[in-house]
Amino acid sequence: MMVSGSNFLQDFDITWGDGRGKIVNNGELLTLSLDKYSGSGFQSKNEYLFGKIDMQIKLVPGNSAGTVTAYYLSSEGENHDEIDFEFLGNLSGEPYTVHTNVYTQGKGEREQQFHLWFDPTADFHSFSVLWNPQTIVFSVDNTPIREFKNLEKIGVQFPKNQPMKLYSSIWNADQWATRGGLIKTDWTQAPFTASYRHFNAEPNNKPWMSQRLDPISEEKLKWVQKNYMIYNYCTDIHRFPQGFPPECSA
């Protein structure tokens, strides 16, 4: 994996959207837009087998109900691995929902959701994934919000063999995204635009390859999960009536 220095022209391709995705300012800024005809998306030119991936994102402002901005790592194929951030829009003034998930060999159902403790549409904020052989950590502005540990020793599959590219897209999902689909997209607010800057991917010979959460980060994680977690698959008895996955009791 190569160090990437925040030049979207070098590091990314706009893959769909018929011009709704744009790279501007000599490669320093990327924007994705959604209107009633189409969304848009991009992907990285490089693949990463483990990574410390950072991106600053400014989410869709105002009434973004019905929209989803996805930002994720994924391999290809039916039995793919995936590490997801998805940002579910909401009515103006209400909190964004941050949806996270981890897929291994095509199997997901590991969702956790959070509200943010700030307005992610007013300015850029860092959304990061640390992925090494021991753990996956989702962070917001260097505050961990979720950790998915390697628990292969108790039979939990962990993504470690398939290189992944980084993707992002914005699209209409008003059948489920906001209040379970009760709030529909207001197309008079279109185009809906998310902005990206300051991408960085560190090479895998760095100390983070063996990094784990330190005690301060553990306390930050507990704070977020106590105060801002709104859904945890490990407590959803309707999802797992026959018993929770083994990682939920580890």
C-alpha atoms as a PDB file:
ATOM      1  CA  MET A   1       0.000   0.000   0.000  1.00  0.00           C
ATOM      2  CA  MET A   2       1.237   3.442  -0.908  1.00  0.00           C
ATOM      3  CA  VAL A   3       1.058   6.677   1.044  1.00  0.00           C
ATOM      4  CA  SER A   4      -1.605   8.849  -0.525  1.00  0.00           C
ATOM      5  CA  GLY A   5      -1.343  12.597  -0.179  1.00  0.00           C
ATOM      6  CA  SER A   6      -4.799  14.001  -0.760  1.00  0.00           C
ATOM      7  CA  ASN A   7      -4.787  14.283  -4.533  1.00  0.00           C
ATOM      8  CA  PHE A   8      -8.028  12.868  -5.790  1.00  0.00           C
ATOM      9  CA  LEU A   9      -6.916  13.003  -9.424  1.00  0.00           C
ATOM     10  CA  GLN A  10      -4.114  10.563  -8.633  1.00  0.00           C
ATOM     11  CA  ASP A  11      -5.910   8.369  -6.117  1.00  0.00           C
ATOM     12  CA  PHE A  12      -9.539   8.043  -7.264  1.00  0.00           C
ATOM     13  CA  ASP A  13     -11.819   7.546 -10.243  1.00  0.00           C
ATOM     14  CA  ILE A  14     -15.350   8.896 -10.521  1.00  0.00           C
ATOM     15  CA  THR A  15     -17.143   5.694 -11.510  1.00  0.00           C
ATOM     16  CA  TRP A  16     -20.749   6.731 -12.113  1.00  0.00           C
ATOM     17  CA  GLY A  17     -23.145   9.666 -12.037  1.00  0.00           C
ATOM     18  CA  ASP A  18     -22.878  11.332 -15.476  1.00  0.00           C
ATOM     19  CA  GLY A  19     -20.974  14.342 -14.212  1.00  0.00           C
ATOM     20  CA  ARG A  20     -22.576  14.516 -10.766  1.00  0.00           C
ATOM     21  CA  GLY A  21     -19.239  13.551  -9.219  1.00  0.00           C
ATOM     22  CA  LYS A  22     -16.500  16.165  -9.601  1.00  0.00           C
ATOM     23  CA  ILE A  23     -12.823  16.504  -8.722  1.00  0.00           C
ATOM     24  CA  VAL A  24     -11.887  20.189  -8.437  1.00  0.00           C
ATOM     25  CA  ASN A  25      -9.221  22.530  -7.056  1.00  0.00           C
ATOM     26  CA  ASN A  26      -6.398  20.641  -8.800  1.00  0.00           C
ATOM     27  CA  GLY A  27      -7.395  17.407  -7.112  1.00  0.00           C
ATOM     28  CA  GLU A  28      -7.773  18.787  -3.576  1.00  0.00           C
ATOM     29  CA  LEU A  29     -11.558  18.470  -3.359  1.00  0.00           C
ATOM     30  CA  LEU A  30     -14.082  15.883  -4.530  1.00  0.00           C
ATOM     31  CA  THR A  31     -17.870  16.293  -4.507  1.00  0.00           C
ATOM     32  CA  LEU A  32     -20.663  13.776  -5.079  1.00  0.00           C
ATOM     33  CA  SER A  33     -24.202  14.899  -5.849  1.00  0.00           C
ATOM     34  CA  LEU A  34     -27.648  13.318  -6.006  1.00  0.00           C
ATOM     35  CA  ASP A  35     -30.695  14.576  -7.884  1.00  0.00           C
ATOM     36  CA  LYS A  36     -33.976  12.884  -8.811  1.00  0.00           C
ATOM     37  CA  TYR A  37     -32.345  11.294 -11.868  1.00  0.00           C
ATOM     38  CA  SER A  38     -29.160   9.816 -10.399  1.00  0.00           C
ATOM     39  CA  GLY A  39     -26.626   9.719  -7.619  1.00  0.00           C
ATOM     40  CA  SER A  40     -22.862   9.387  -8.086  1.00  0.00           C
ATOM     41  CA  GLY A  41     -19.837   7.562  -6.767  1.00  0.00           C
ATOM     42  CA  PHE A  42     -16.079   7.075  -6.798  1.00  0.00           C
ATOM     43  CA  GLN A  43     -13.530   4.370  -5.999  1.00  0.00           C
ATOM     44  CA  SER A  44      -9.842   4.280  -5.197  1.00  0.00           C
ATOM     45  CA  LYS A  45      -7.317   3.253  -7.815  1.00  0.00           C
ATOM     46  CA  ASN A  46      -5.351   1.306  -5.200  1.00  0.00           C
ATOM     47  CA  GLU A  47      -6.325  -1.754  -3.206  1.00  0.00           C
ATOM     48  CA  TYR A  48      -5.433  -2.139   0.460  1.00  0.00           C
ATOM     49  CA  LEU A  49      -4.782  -5.297   2.449  1.00  0.00           C
ATOM     50  CA  PHE A  50      -5.037  -3.753   5.892  1.00  0.00           C
ATOM     51  CA  GLY A  51      -4.959  -0.024   6.126  1.00  0.00           C
ATOM     52  CA  LYS A  52      -5.245   3.152   8.151  1.00  0.00           C
ATOM     53  CA  ILE A  53      -7.636   5.135   6.007  1.00  0.00           C
ATOM     54  CA  ASP A  54      -8.596   8.731   6.776  1.00  0.00           C
ATOM     55  CA  MET A  55     -10.975  11.016   4.892  1.00  0.00           C
ATOM     56  CA  GLN A  56     -12.485  14.364   5.775  1.00  0.00           C
ATOM     57  CA  ILE A  57     -16.136  14.529   4.727  1.00  0.00           C
ATOM     58  CA  LYS A  58     -18.753  17.290   4.893  1.00  0.00           C
ATOM     59  CA  LEU A  59     -22.183  15.686   4.658  1.00  0.00           C
ATOM     60  CA  VAL A  60     -25.299  16.894   2.873  1.00  0.00           C
ATOM     61  CA  PRO A  61     -26.648  20.007   4.644  1.00  0.00           C
ATOM     62  CA  GLY A  62     -30.260  20.931   5.334  1.00  0.00           C
ATOM     63  CA  ASN A  63     -33.079  18.481   4.746  1.00  0.00           C
ATOM     64  CA  SER A  64     -31.222  15.354   3.646  1.00  0.00           C
ATOM     65  CA  ALA A  65     -34.006  12.904   4.510  1.00  0.00           C
ATOM     66  CA  GLY A  66     -34.056   9.829   2.287  1.00  0.00           C
ATOM     67  CA  THR A  67     -30.439  10.154   1.178  1.00  0.00           C
ATOM     68  CA  VAL A  68     -27.554   7.850   2.024  1.00  0.00           C
ATOM     69  CA  THR A  69     -23.885   8.751   1.719  1.00  0.00           C
ATOM     70  CA  ALA A  70     -21.884   5.518   1.814  1.00  0.00           C
ATOM     71  CA  TYR A  71     -18.138   5.446   2.551  1.00  0.00           C
ATOM     72  CA  TYR A  72     -16.614   1.988   2.742  1.00  0.00           C
ATOM     73  CA  LEU A  73     -13.865  -0.502   1.975  1.00  0.00           C
ATOM     74  CA  SER A  74     -14.845  -3.542  -0.067  1.00  0.00           C
ATOM     75  CA  SER A  75     -13.360  -6.443  -1.972  1.00  0.00           C
ATOM     76  CA  GLU A  76     -15.061  -7.891  -5.045  1.00  0.00           C
ATOM     77  CA  GLY A  77     -17.133 -11.004  -5.613  1.00  0.00           C
ATOM     78  CA  GLU A  78     -20.036 -12.754  -3.943  1.00  0.00           C
ATOM     79  CA  ASN A  79     -17.987 -13.717  -0.882  1.00  0.00           C
ATOM     80  CA  HIS A  80     -16.634 -10.224  -0.424  1.00  0.00           C
ATOM     81  CA  ASP A  81     -15.317  -8.503   2.694  1.00  0.00           C
ATOM     82  CA  GLU A  82     -16.516  -5.016   3.558  1.00  0.00           C
ATOM     83  CA  ILE A  83     -16.059  -2.319   6.229  1.00  0.00           C
ATOM     84  CA  ASP A  84     -18.882   0.227   6.116  1.00  0.00           C
ATOM     85  CA  PHE A  85     -19.727   3.733   7.149  1.00  0.00           C
ATOM     86  CA  GLU A  86     -23.156   4.834   5.894  1.00  0.00           C
ATOM     87  CA  PHE A  87     -24.587   8.247   6.734  1.00  0.00           C
ATOM     88  CA  LEU A  88     -28.389   8.271   6.776  1.00  0.00           C
ATOM     89  CA  GLY A  89     -29.867  11.693   6.086  1.00  0.00           C
ATOM     90  CA  ASN A  90     -32.533  13.323   8.196  1.00  0.00           C
ATOM     91  CA  LEU A  91     -34.794  16.332   8.420  1.00  0.00           C
ATOM     92  CA  SER A  92     -33.028  19.636   8.930  1.00  0.00           C
ATOM     93  CA  GLY A  93     -31.930  20.113  12.515  1.00  0.00           C
ATOM     94  CA  GLU A  94     -32.165  16.438  13.458  1.00  0.00           C
ATOM     95  CA  PRO A  95     -29.059  14.290  13.978  1.00  0.00           C
ATOM     96  CA  TYR A  96     -27.476  12.235  11.257  1.00  0.00           C
ATOM     97  CA  THR A  97     -27.431   8.477  11.815  1.00  0.00           C
ATOM     98  CA  VAL A  98     -24.049   6.826  11.280  1.00  0.00           C
ATOM     99  CA  HIS A  99     -24.574   3.185  10.279  1.00  0.00           C
ATOM    100  CA  THR A 100     -21.598   0.802  10.542  1.00  0.00           C
ATOM    101  CA  ASN A 101     -21.224  -2.808   9.437  1.00  0.00           C
ATOM    102  CA  VAL A 102     -18.535  -5.439   8.859  1.00  0.00           C
ATOM    103  CA  TYR A 103     -18.833  -8.191   6.234  1.00  0.00           C
ATOM    104  CA  THR A 104     -16.635 -11.272   6.071  1.00  0.00           C
ATOM    105  CA  GLN A 105     -16.923 -13.740   3.183  1.00  0.00           C
ATOM    106  CA  GLY A 106     -20.204 -12.137   2.135  1.00  0.00           C
ATOM    107  CA  LYS A 107     -21.795 -12.296   5.591  1.00  0.00           C
ATOM    108  CA  GLY A 108     -22.767  -9.093   7.377  1.00  0.00           C
ATOM    109  CA  GLU A 109     -25.593  -8.507   9.878  1.00  0.00           C
ATOM    110  CA  ARG A 110     -23.164  -6.791  12.260  1.00  0.00           C
ATOM    111  CA  GLU A 111     -24.759  -3.370  12.338  1.00  0.00           C
ATOM    112  CA  GLN A 112     -24.195  -0.693  14.929  1.00  0.00           C
ATOM    113  CA  GLN A 113     -25.696   2.784  14.590  1.00  0.00           C
ATOM    114  CA  PHE A 114     -24.840   6.061  16.252  1.00  0.00           C
ATOM    115  CA  HIS A 115     -25.876   9.691  16.348  1.00  0.00           C
ATOM    116  CA  LEU A 116     -23.086  12.229  16.063  1.00  0.00           C
ATOM    117  CA  TRP A 117     -22.380  14.752  18.812  1.00  0.00           C
ATOM    118  CA  PHE A 118     -21.879  17.593  16.308  1.00  0.00           C
ATOM    119  CA  ASP A 119     -23.345  18.845  13.027  1.00  0.00           C
ATOM    120  CA  PRO A 120     -21.483  16.931  10.272  1.00  0.00           C
ATOM    121  CA  THR A 121     -22.855  19.288   7.609  1.00  0.00           C
ATOM    122  CA  ALA A 122     -21.394  22.541   8.971  1.00  0.00           C
ATOM    123  CA  ASP A 123     -17.753  21.655   8.336  1.00  0.00           C
ATOM    124  CA  PHE A 124     -15.426  18.807   7.397  1.00  0.00           C
ATOM    125  CA  HIS A 125     -14.834  16.019   9.921  1.00  0.00           C
ATOM    126  CA  SER A 126     -12.489  13.037   9.789  1.00  0.00           C
ATOM    127  CA  PHE A 127     -13.947   9.559   9.356  1.00  0.00           C
ATOM    128  CA  SER A 128     -11.341   6.829   9.713  1.00  0.00           C
ATOM    129  CA  VAL A 129     -10.890   3.084   9.575  1.00  0.00           C
ATOM    130  CA  LEU A 130      -7.990   1.303  11.235  1.00  0.00           C
ATOM    131  CA  TRP A 131      -7.810  -2.238   9.869  1.00  0.00           C
ATOM    132  CA  ASN A 132      -4.996  -4.516  10.951  1.00  0.00           C
ATOM    133  CA  PRO A 133      -4.717  -8.260  11.701  1.00  0.00           C
ATOM    134  CA  GLN A 134      -5.929  -7.732  15.283  1.00  0.00           C
ATOM    135  CA  THR A 135      -8.832  -5.334  14.974  1.00  0.00           C
ATOM    136  CA  ILE A 136     -11.024  -2.945  12.980  1.00  0.00           C
ATOM    137  CA  VAL A 137     -11.648   0.459  14.580  1.00  0.00           C
ATOM    138  CA  PHE A 138     -14.132   3.019  13.257  1.00  0.00           C
ATOM    139  CA  SER A 139     -13.268   6.558  14.375  1.00  0.00           C
ATOM    140  CA  VAL A 140     -14.726  10.046  14.045  1.00  0.00           C
ATOM    141  CA  ASP A 141     -12.312  12.945  14.568  1.00  0.00           C
ATOM    142  CA  ASN A 142      -9.904  10.487  16.215  1.00  0.00           C
ATOM    143  CA  THR A 143     -12.590   9.321  18.658  1.00  0.00           C
ATOM    144  CA  PRO A 144     -13.273   5.581  18.293  1.00  0.00           C
ATOM    145  CA  ILE A 145     -16.966   4.754  17.981  1.00  0.00           C
ATOM    146  CA  ARG A 146     -16.718   1.030  17.293  1.00  0.00           C
ATOM    147  CA  GLU A 147     -14.212  -1.811  17.482  1.00  0.00           C
ATOM    148  CA  PHE A 148     -14.541  -5.193  15.786  1.00  0.00           C
ATOM    149  CA  LYS A 149     -11.826  -7.461  17.162  1.00  0.00           C
ATOM    150  CA  ASN A 150     -10.284 -10.490  15.513  1.00  0.00           C
ATOM    151  CA  LEU A 151     -11.972 -13.328  17.406  1.00  0.00           C
ATOM    152  CA  GLU A 152     -11.106 -16.177  15.081  1.00  0.00           C
ATOM    153  CA  LYS A 153     -10.054 -18.176  18.143  1.00  0.00           C
ATOM    154  CA  ILE A 154     -13.747 -18.526  19.060  1.00  0.00           C
ATOM    155  CA  GLY A 155     -14.913 -19.122  15.495  1.00  0.00           C
ATOM    156  CA  VAL A 156     -15.706 -15.571  14.335  1.00  0.00           C
ATOM    157  CA  GLN A 157     -14.596 -14.859  10.780  1.00  0.00           C
ATOM    158  CA  PHE A 158     -12.403 -11.789  10.352  1.00  0.00           C
ATOM    159  CA  PRO A 159     -11.529 -10.027   7.077  1.00  0.00           C
ATOM    160  CA  LYS A 160      -7.820 -10.525   6.496  1.00  0.00           C
ATOM    161  CA  ASN A 161      -7.212 -12.139   3.103  1.00  0.00           C
ATOM    162  CA  GLN A 162      -8.994 -10.024   0.496  1.00  0.00           C
ATOM    163  CA  PRO A 163      -7.598  -6.639  -0.582  1.00  0.00           C
ATOM    164  CA  MET A 164     -10.199  -3.892  -0.618  1.00  0.00           C
ATOM    165  CA  LYS A 165     -10.703  -0.671  -2.517  1.00  0.00           C
ATOM    166  CA  LEU A 166     -12.192   2.451  -0.954  1.00  0.00           C
ATOM    167  CA  TYR A 167     -15.567   3.520  -2.304  1.00  0.00           C
ATOM    168  CA  SER A 168     -18.058   6.276  -1.706  1.00  0.00           C
ATOM    169  CA  SER A 169     -21.446   7.047  -3.201  1.00  0.00           C
ATOM    170  CA  ILE A 170     -24.562   9.099  -2.625  1.00  0.00           C
ATOM    171  CA  TRP A 171     -27.957   7.692  -3.530  1.00  0.00           C
ATOM    172  CA  ASN A 172     -31.659   7.781  -2.789  1.00  0.00           C
ATOM    173  CA  ALA A 173     -32.867   5.236  -0.228  1.00  0.00           C
ATOM    174  CA  ASP A 174     -36.034   6.850   1.003  1.00  0.00           C
ATOM    175  CA  GLN A 175     -37.767   3.478   1.201  1.00  0.00           C
ATOM    176  CA  TRP A 176     -35.775   2.816   4.418  1.00  0.00           C
ATOM    177  CA  ALA A 177     -33.129   5.427   5.225  1.00  0.00           C
ATOM    178  CA  THR A 178     -35.025   7.955   7.348  1.00  0.00           C
ATOM    179  CA  ARG A 179     -37.321   6.694  10.109  1.00  0.00           C
ATOM    180  CA  GLY A 180     -37.633   3.372   8.353  1.00  0.00           C
ATOM    181  CA  GLY A 181     -38.867   4.997   5.163  1.00  0.00           C
ATOM    182  CA  LEU A 182     -41.557   7.187   6.738  1.00  0.00           C
ATOM    183  CA  ILE A 183     -39.801  10.377   5.622  1.00  0.00           C
ATOM    184  CA  LYS A 184     -39.322  10.649   1.865  1.00  0.00           C
ATOM    185  CA  THR A 185     -36.770  12.597  -0.137  1.00  0.00           C
ATOM    186  CA  ASP A 186     -37.773  16.207  -0.827  1.00  0.00           C
ATOM    187  CA  TRP A 187     -36.517  16.679  -4.372  1.00  0.00           C
ATOM    188  CA  THR A 188     -37.037  20.459  -4.168  1.00  0.00           C
ATOM    189  CA  GLN A 189     -33.888  20.416  -1.995  1.00  0.00           C
ATOM    190  CA  ALA A 190     -31.794  18.743  -4.723  1.00  0.00           C
ATOM    191  CA  PRO A 191     -29.013  18.533  -5.643  1.00  0.00           C
ATOM    192  CA  PHE A 192     -27.798  16.907  -2.439  1.00  0.00           C
ATOM    193  CA  THR A 193     -24.012  17.208  -2.231  1.00  0.00           C
ATOM    194  CA  ALA A 194     -21.346  15.626  -0.007  1.00  0.00           C
ATOM    195  CA  SER A 195     -17.759  16.922  -0.114  1.00  0.00           C
ATOM    196  CA  TYR A 196     -14.435  15.150   0.486  1.00  0.00           C
ATOM    197  CA  ARG A 197     -10.875  16.289   1.169  1.00  0.00           C
ATOM    198  CA  HIS A 198      -7.602  15.264   2.864  1.00  0.00           C
ATOM    199  CA  PHE A 199      -7.584  11.573   2.036  1.00  0.00           C
ATOM    200  CA  ASN A 200      -4.700   9.637   3.530  1.00  0.00           C
ATOM    201  CA  ALA A 201      -3.755   5.952   3.512  1.00  0.00           C
ATOM    202  CA  GLU A 202      -0.682   4.920   5.479  1.00  0.00           C
ATOM    203  CA  PRO A 203       1.630   2.110   4.332  1.00  0.00           C
ATOM    204  CA  ASN A 204       1.343  -1.172   6.177  1.00  0.00           C
ATOM    205  CA  ASN A 205       4.868  -1.186   7.550  1.00  0.00           C
ATOM    206  CA  LYS A 206       3.842   1.444  10.093  1.00  0.00           C
ATOM    207  CA  PRO A 207       3.346   0.881  13.863  1.00  0.00           C
ATOM    208  CA  TRP A 208      -0.428   0.883  13.442  1.00  0.00           C
ATOM    209  CA  MET A 209      -0.198  -2.665  12.007  1.00  0.00           C
ATOM    210  CA  SER A 210      -0.002  -3.915  15.603  1.00  0.00           C
ATOM    211  CA  GLN A 211      -2.022  -1.086  17.154  1.00  0.00           C
ATOM    212  CA  ARG A 212      -4.816  -1.696  19.634  1.00  0.00           C
ATOM    213  CA  LEU A 213      -6.941   0.754  21.578  1.00  0.00           C
ATOM    214  CA  ASP A 214      -5.043   2.309  24.484  1.00  0.00           C
ATOM    215  CA  PRO A 215      -6.805   3.024  27.817  1.00  0.00           C
ATOM    216  CA  ILE A 216      -7.714   6.596  26.844  1.00  0.00           C
ATOM    217  CA  SER A 217      -9.218   5.411  23.558  1.00  0.00           C
ATOM    218  CA  GLU A 218     -11.088   2.651  25.389  1.00  0.00           C
ATOM    219  CA  GLU A 219     -12.706   5.285  27.606  1.00  0.00           C
ATOM    220  CA  LYS A 220     -13.653   7.390  24.577  1.00  0.00           C
ATOM    221  CA  LEU A 221     -15.214   4.331  22.954  1.00  0.00           C
ATOM    222  CA  LYS A 222     -17.265   3.616  26.085  1.00  0.00           C
ATOM    223  CA  TRP A 223     -18.415   7.262  26.190  1.00  0.00           C
ATOM    224  CA  VAL A 224     -19.633   7.163  22.592  1.00  0.00           C
ATOM    225  CA  GLN A 225     -21.366   3.827  22.985  1.00  0.00           C
ATOM    226  CA  LYS A 226     -23.071   4.868  26.219  1.00  0.00           C
ATOM    227  CA  ASN A 227     -24.287   8.241  24.970  1.00  0.00           C
ATOM    228  CA  TYR A 228     -24.675   7.991  21.190  1.00  0.00           C
ATOM    229  CA  MET A 229     -25.256   4.381  20.166  1.00  0.00           C
ATOM    230  CA  ILE A 230     -28.843   3.922  18.947  1.00  0.00           C
ATOM    231  CA  TYR A 231     -28.692   0.351  17.612  1.00  0.00           C
ATOM    232  CA  ASN A 232     -26.516  -2.666  18.363  1.00  0.00           C
ATOM    233  CA  TYR A 233     -27.039  -6.002  16.624  1.00  0.00           C
ATOM    234  CA  CYS A 234     -25.798  -7.725  19.766  1.00  0.00           C
ATOM    235  CA  THR A 235     -28.914  -6.648  21.648  1.00  0.00           C
ATOM    236  CA  ASP A 236     -31.487  -7.254  18.895  1.00  0.00           C
ATOM    237  CA  ILE A 237     -33.327 -10.378  19.992  1.00  0.00           C
ATOM    238  CA  HIS A 238     -35.641 -10.122  16.974  1.00  0.00           C
ATOM    239  CA  ARG A 239     -32.649 -10.467  14.659  1.00  0.00           C
ATOM    240  CA  PHE A 240     -31.215 -13.444  16.508  1.00  0.00           C
ATOM    241  CA  PRO A 241     -34.071 -15.305  18.238  1.00  0.00           C
ATOM    242  CA  GLN A 242     -31.952 -18.469  18.422  1.00  0.00           C
ATOM    243  CA  GLY A 243     -29.057 -16.751  20.159  1.00  0.00           C
ATOM    244  CA  PHE A 244     -26.555 -13.988  19.472  1.00  0.00           C
ATOM    245  CA  PRO A 245     -23.369 -14.459  17.421  1.00  0.00           C
ATOM    246  CA  PRO A 246     -20.316 -15.544  19.454  1.00  0.00           C
ATOM    247  CA  GLU A 247     -18.596 -12.154  19.238  1.00  0.00           C
ATOM    248  CA  CYS A 248     -21.468 -10.622  21.219  1.00  0.00           C
ATOM    249  CA  SER A 249     -20.441 -12.515  24.350  1.00  0.00           C
ATOM    250  CA  ALA A 250     -16.676 -12.225  23.907  1.00  0.00           C
END
